[in-house]
Amino acid sequence: MVHSSRPFRDMEKHQFCTPLQGKLVRPWMKYCMCVQCTNHSFHKEFAMISIDQQLKTVAPKLRLGIVVADGIVVQKRDDVLWSDLKRQGRTLAKQYPTREALRQAPEISALDRAYRSLGVDPRRYPGSAEALGLRMLSDDQGKVKGLYQINTAVDANNLVSLQTLCSVGVYDLKNLHEPLVFRVGQVGEGYTGIGKEKVSIANLPVFADANGPYGSPTADSNRAMITLETKRMMLVIISFAGDALLDLKVSDTSDMLQEYLNVSHNHVSTQIVE
């Protein structure tokens, strides 16, 4: 179920296409489900993701928070963003000083339960938020790996993941073809991972398009990865715990992407799918 698309904060400045549809998830929001708005240049088709019923059965609270941004400028590095990312990592390490404490966080434990229901060991296939968080904690030898810096889109993605403790994926829409679905991976399915050889995704929750799987809460594919040439991207916050404040976090993420990826607000669309 899609709850929202194209939220605008300043209601005085926007005229909407008709008919208006959707639910008022927050009192000051309205949603234009028509993708094209008469006062805006963001006229490309919005990427819609559906959730397969098999996955909903094992994760009934599952919600996806989606942000699509068009005309982005991806840079190798932004010092302010990198500083924010490291600061958030330190904050997380203070809040969850041990692996056990981190794994008790609501979003991470909800992902773990969903994985186990699918027959997947979350210790062997941890969600990306847990993997990021663990890099900020001391290992058995007392060493801290620390975070890695990739580019401004991926760094922003990782910042959202550390802030929400949700697995978050970011994808180059140029390389994806509808329909898009979040489903359970089948035996024999896999893809070339980012910086990895083939990743097995059997029984994992996976994102798939017309050409097959391209991402999961654990590891994404090389096919859909963000590069410095990416112009249109989709960021997906995966809340297995069904975060009631997900729409607020999506809105904050939209604001952050506008700042760090040099994209105007009328080239950013959001939606909640459940």
Protein backbone atom coordinates (compact mmCIF):
# COMPACT_ATOMS: atom_id res chain seq x y z
CA MET A 1 0.00 0.00 0.00
CA VAL A 2 1.39 3.39 -0.96
CA HIS A 3 0.51 6.03 1.61
CA SER A 4 2.14 9.09 0.19
CA SER A 5 3.90 10.68 -2.74
CA ARG A 6 5.32 14.13 -3.36
CA PRO A 7 4.93 15.84 0.02
CA PHE A 8 5.31 19.62 0.12
CA ARG A 9 5.83 21.63 3.31
CA ASP A 10 4.93 25.07 1.95
CA MET A 11 1.33 24.62 0.90
CA GLU A 12 0.98 28.23 -0.27
CA LYS A 13 3.51 27.86 -3.08
CA HIS A 14 2.16 24.78 -4.84
CA GLN A 15 -0.78 24.06 -7.08
CA PHE A 16 -1.58 20.37 -7.45
CA CYS A 17 -2.65 18.32 -10.39
CA THR A 18 -6.10 16.76 -10.04
CA PRO A 19 -7.41 14.50 -8.73
CA LEU A 20 -5.75 14.63 -5.32
CA GLN A 21 -5.45 11.31 -3.58
CA GLY A 22 -3.60 9.78 -0.63
CA LYS A 23 -3.71 9.99 3.13
CA LEU A 24 -2.68 12.87 5.35
CA VAL A 25 0.00 11.06 7.32
CA ARG A 26 1.00 14.37 8.90
CA PRO A 27 -1.40 17.33 9.25
CA TRP A 28 0.63 19.77 7.18
CA MET A 29 1.20 17.38 4.27
CA LYS A 30 -0.82 16.75 1.14
CA TYR A 31 0.08 14.35 -1.59
CA CYS A 32 -0.20 14.54 -5.34
CA MET A 33 -0.33 10.96 -6.62
CA CYS A 34 -0.10 12.15 -10.23
CA VAL A 35 3.70 12.40 -10.44
CA GLN A 36 3.36 15.61 -12.48
CA CYS A 37 2.66 18.86 -10.66
CA THR A 38 1.74 21.97 -12.65
CA ASN A 39 4.31 24.20 -10.94
CA HIS A 40 7.24 21.79 -11.04
CA SER A 41 9.75 20.37 -13.49
CA PHE A 42 9.95 16.97 -11.78
CA HIS A 43 7.91 15.13 -14.42
CA LYS A 44 9.67 11.79 -14.65
CA GLU A 45 7.85 8.69 -13.53
CA PHE A 46 8.14 8.03 -9.82
CA ALA A 47 9.68 4.67 -8.94
CA MET A 48 7.03 2.56 -7.26
CA ILE A 49 7.97 -0.44 -5.12
CA SER A 50 5.52 -3.11 -4.01
CA ILE A 51 6.05 -5.52 -1.10
CA ASP A 52 5.44 -9.19 -1.86
CA GLN A 53 2.88 -10.91 0.36
CA GLN A 54 5.30 -13.69 1.39
CA LEU A 55 7.61 -11.08 2.86
CA LYS A 56 4.73 -9.25 4.54
CA THR A 57 3.72 -12.51 6.21
CA VAL A 58 7.07 -12.90 8.00
CA ALA A 59 7.47 -9.14 8.60
CA PRO A 60 3.93 -7.77 9.09
CA LYS A 61 5.14 -4.38 10.38
CA LEU A 62 7.46 -3.80 7.42
CA ARG A 63 7.45 -0.26 6.02
CA LEU A 64 9.59 1.33 3.31
CA GLY A 65 10.46 5.01 3.27
CA ILE A 66 11.47 6.05 -0.24
CA VAL A 67 13.15 9.20 -1.54
CA VAL A 68 13.71 9.74 -5.27
CA ALA A 69 15.97 12.62 -6.32
CA ASP A 70 16.47 13.77 -9.91
CA GLY A 71 19.37 15.87 -11.21
CA ILE A 72 21.68 15.13 -8.30
CA VAL A 73 25.36 16.06 -8.23
CA VAL A 74 27.43 13.29 -6.63
CA GLN A 75 30.85 14.37 -5.41
CA LYS A 76 33.76 12.34 -4.19
CA ARG A 77 33.70 13.98 -0.77
CA ASP A 78 31.99 16.64 1.32
CA ASP A 79 33.90 17.51 4.48
CA VAL A 80 30.81 18.63 6.41
CA LEU A 81 28.92 15.45 5.52
CA TRP A 82 31.90 13.29 6.42
CA SER A 83 32.20 15.09 9.76
CA ASP A 84 28.47 14.54 10.42
CA LEU A 85 28.83 10.85 9.57
CA LYS A 86 31.75 10.33 11.94
CA ARG A 87 29.98 12.27 14.69
CA GLN A 88 26.89 10.08 14.34
CA GLY A 89 29.09 7.00 14.49
CA ARG A 90 30.61 8.16 17.78
CA THR A 91 27.16 8.94 19.16
CA LEU A 92 25.95 5.46 18.26
CA ALA A 93 28.99 3.85 19.90
CA LYS A 94 28.20 5.66 23.16
CA GLN A 95 24.53 4.69 23.03
CA TYR A 96 25.25 1.04 22.12
CA PRO A 97 28.71 0.29 23.54
CA THR A 98 28.60 -3.48 22.92
CA ARG A 99 27.54 -5.78 20.10
CA GLU A 100 24.81 -7.21 22.29
CA ALA A 101 23.42 -3.76 23.04
CA LEU A 102 23.45 -2.81 19.36
CA ARG A 103 21.60 -5.97 18.40
CA GLN A 104 18.86 -5.15 20.92
CA ALA A 105 18.04 -1.91 19.10
CA PRO A 106 14.41 -2.21 17.86
CA GLU A 107 15.14 -1.97 14.14
CA ILE A 108 18.09 -4.36 14.21
CA SER A 109 16.28 -6.93 16.36
CA ALA A 110 13.21 -6.69 14.09
CA LEU A 111 15.38 -7.40 11.05
CA ASP A 112 16.97 -10.32 12.89
CA ARG A 113 13.54 -11.83 13.61
CA ALA A 114 12.48 -11.49 9.98
CA TYR A 115 15.70 -13.11 8.77
CA ARG A 116 15.31 -16.03 11.18
CA SER A 117 11.70 -16.51 10.05
CA LEU A 118 13.07 -16.89 6.53
CA GLY A 119 15.71 -19.38 7.66
CA VAL A 120 18.60 -16.90 7.41
CA ASP A 121 21.24 -16.48 10.14
CA PRO A 122 21.49 -12.71 10.80
CA ARG A 123 24.95 -13.16 12.30
CA ARG A 124 26.21 -14.54 9.00
CA TYR A 125 24.16 -12.05 6.97
CA PRO A 126 23.84 -8.94 9.16
CA GLY A 127 21.80 -5.98 8.02
CA SER A 128 23.81 -3.03 6.73
CA ALA A 129 22.91 -0.85 9.74
CA GLU A 130 24.32 -3.44 12.14
CA ALA A 131 27.42 -3.85 9.97
CA LEU A 132 27.99 -0.08 10.00
CA GLY A 133 27.41 0.15 13.74
CA LEU A 134 29.82 -2.68 14.47
CA ARG A 135 32.57 -0.77 12.66
CA MET A 136 32.33 1.85 15.42
CA LEU A 137 32.70 -0.69 18.24
CA SER A 138 35.87 -2.34 19.49
CA ASP A 139 36.45 -5.86 18.21
CA ASP A 140 37.88 -8.75 20.23
CA GLN A 141 41.37 -7.23 19.87
CA GLY A 142 40.18 -3.81 21.06
CA LYS A 143 40.44 -2.26 17.60
CA VAL A 144 37.85 0.01 15.97
CA LYS A 145 37.61 -0.31 12.18
CA GLY A 146 35.88 3.03 11.74
CA LEU A 147 33.62 4.14 8.92
CA TYR A 148 34.54 4.23 5.23
CA GLN A 149 34.10 7.18 2.88
CA ILE A 150 32.82 6.51 -0.67
CA ASN A 151 31.00 9.48 -2.22
CA THR A 152 28.42 12.01 -1.08
CA ALA A 153 25.40 9.88 -2.03
CA VAL A 154 26.69 6.75 -0.30
CA ASP A 155 27.94 8.74 2.69
CA ALA A 156 24.49 10.35 3.05
CA ASN A 157 22.93 6.89 2.81
CA ASN A 158 25.20 5.63 5.60
CA LEU A 159 24.39 8.65 7.75
CA VAL A 160 20.67 7.90 7.46
CA SER A 161 21.34 4.27 8.37
CA LEU A 162 23.27 5.24 11.51
CA GLN A 163 20.59 7.77 12.49
CA THR A 164 17.68 5.35 12.07
CA LEU A 165 19.45 1.99 12.61
CA CYS A 166 17.47 0.80 9.59
CA SER A 167 19.13 -0.87 6.64
CA VAL A 168 19.14 1.77 3.90
CA GLY A 169 19.80 1.20 0.21
CA VAL A 170 20.62 3.77 -2.46
CA TYR A 171 20.32 2.94 -6.15
CA ASP A 172 21.00 4.47 -9.56
CA LEU A 173 17.59 4.53 -11.24
CA LYS A 174 19.15 4.64 -14.70
CA ASN A 175 19.99 0.96 -14.26
CA LEU A 176 16.61 -0.19 -12.89
CA HIS A 177 13.50 -1.14 -14.84
CA GLU A 178 9.99 -1.42 -13.43
CA PRO A 179 8.20 -3.19 -11.91
CA LEU A 180 10.15 -2.97 -8.66
CA VAL A 181 9.30 -5.37 -5.84
CA PHE A 182 10.62 -6.21 -2.36
CA ARG A 183 10.38 -9.99 -2.08
CA VAL A 184 12.10 -13.13 -0.83
CA GLY A 185 15.15 -14.30 -2.77
CA GLN A 186 14.91 -17.66 -4.49
CA VAL A 187 17.36 -20.55 -4.34
CA GLY A 188 20.04 -20.02 -6.98
CA GLU A 189 19.55 -16.25 -7.20
CA GLY A 190 22.48 -13.92 -6.66
CA TYR A 191 24.37 -10.98 -8.07
CA THR A 192 27.78 -9.38 -8.17
CA GLY A 193 28.05 -7.34 -4.99
CA ILE A 194 29.71 -3.96 -4.55
CA GLY A 195 33.37 -4.77 -4.03
CA LYS A 196 32.50 -8.46 -3.82
CA GLU A 197 32.16 -11.50 -5.98
CA LYS A 198 28.76 -13.16 -6.36
CA VAL A 199 26.45 -12.63 -3.39
CA SER A 200 23.99 -15.43 -2.62
CA ILE A 201 20.56 -14.04 -1.74
CA ALA A 202 18.51 -17.22 -1.31
CA ASN A 203 15.80 -16.59 1.33
CA LEU A 204 16.99 -13.02 1.97
CA PRO A 205 14.61 -10.08 1.52
CA VAL A 206 15.63 -8.62 -1.84
CA PHE A 207 14.73 -5.76 -4.13
CA ALA A 208 14.16 -6.90 -7.70
CA ASP A 209 13.29 -5.21 -10.98
CA ALA A 210 12.38 -6.57 -14.41
CA ASN A 211 15.94 -7.91 -14.77
CA GLY A 212 16.11 -9.62 -11.38
CA PRO A 213 17.42 -8.83 -7.88
CA TYR A 214 19.57 -5.74 -7.37
CA GLY A 215 19.75 -5.19 -3.61
CA SER A 216 19.03 -6.43 -0.09
CA PRO A 217 19.18 -5.13 3.49
CA THR A 218 22.54 -6.93 3.78
CA ALA A 219 24.42 -6.19 0.54
CA ASP A 220 23.62 -4.41 -2.71
CA SER A 221 24.57 -5.20 -6.28
CA ASN A 222 27.19 -3.67 -8.52
CA ARG A 223 24.48 -3.20 -11.18
CA ALA A 224 22.53 -0.53 -9.29
CA MET A 225 25.34 1.14 -7.35
CA ILE A 226 25.79 4.90 -7.20
CA THR A 227 28.71 6.46 -9.08
CA LEU A 228 29.94 10.01 -9.63
CA GLU A 229 27.97 9.96 -12.90
CA THR A 230 24.62 9.13 -11.25
CA LYS A 231 21.95 11.75 -11.90
CA ARG A 232 18.78 10.06 -10.62
CA MET A 233 18.74 8.01 -7.45
CA MET A 234 16.37 6.19 -5.15
CA LEU A 235 17.05 5.85 -1.42
CA VAL A 236 15.04 3.27 0.54
CA ILE A 237 14.81 3.16 4.34
CA ILE A 238 13.78 -0.38 5.34
CA SER A 239 11.91 -0.43 8.66
CA PHE A 240 11.17 -3.99 9.76
CA ALA A 241 9.91 -2.59 13.09
CA GLY A 242 7.29 -0.46 11.33
CA ASP A 243 8.60 2.87 12.64
CA ALA A 244 5.61 5.15 13.29
CA LEU A 245 7.85 8.18 12.68
CA LEU A 246 9.16 6.92 9.35
CA ASP A 247 7.47 9.71 7.38
CA LEU A 248 9.29 12.30 9.50
CA LYS A 249 12.62 10.55 8.94
CA VAL A 250 11.94 10.37 5.20
CA SER A 251 11.22 14.10 5.18
CA ASP A 252 14.46 14.82 7.05
CA THR A 253 16.34 12.58 4.62
CA SER A 254 14.86 14.51 1.70
CA ASP A 255 16.11 17.77 3.22
CA MET A 256 19.58 16.31 3.74
CA LEU A 257 19.84 15.05 0.16
CA GLN A 258 18.87 18.47 -1.15
CA GLU A 259 21.73 19.97 0.83
CA TYR A 260 24.49 17.48 0.12
CA LEU A 261 23.59 16.45 -3.45
CA ASN A 262 22.82 19.95 -4.73
CA VAL A 263 19.27 19.14 -5.83
CA SER A 264 16.26 21.45 -5.60
CA HIS A 265 13.21 20.50 -3.49
CA ASN A 266 10.95 20.23 -6.55
CA HIS A 267 13.22 17.49 -7.92
CA VAL A 268 12.72 15.29 -4.86
CA SER A 269 9.74 13.00 -4.23
CA THR A 270 8.96 10.76 -1.26
CA GLN A 271 6.57 7.96 -0.39
CA ILE A 272 5.81 5.44 2.33
CA VAL A 273 5.03 1.87 1.25
CA GLU A 274 3.62 -0.81 3.53
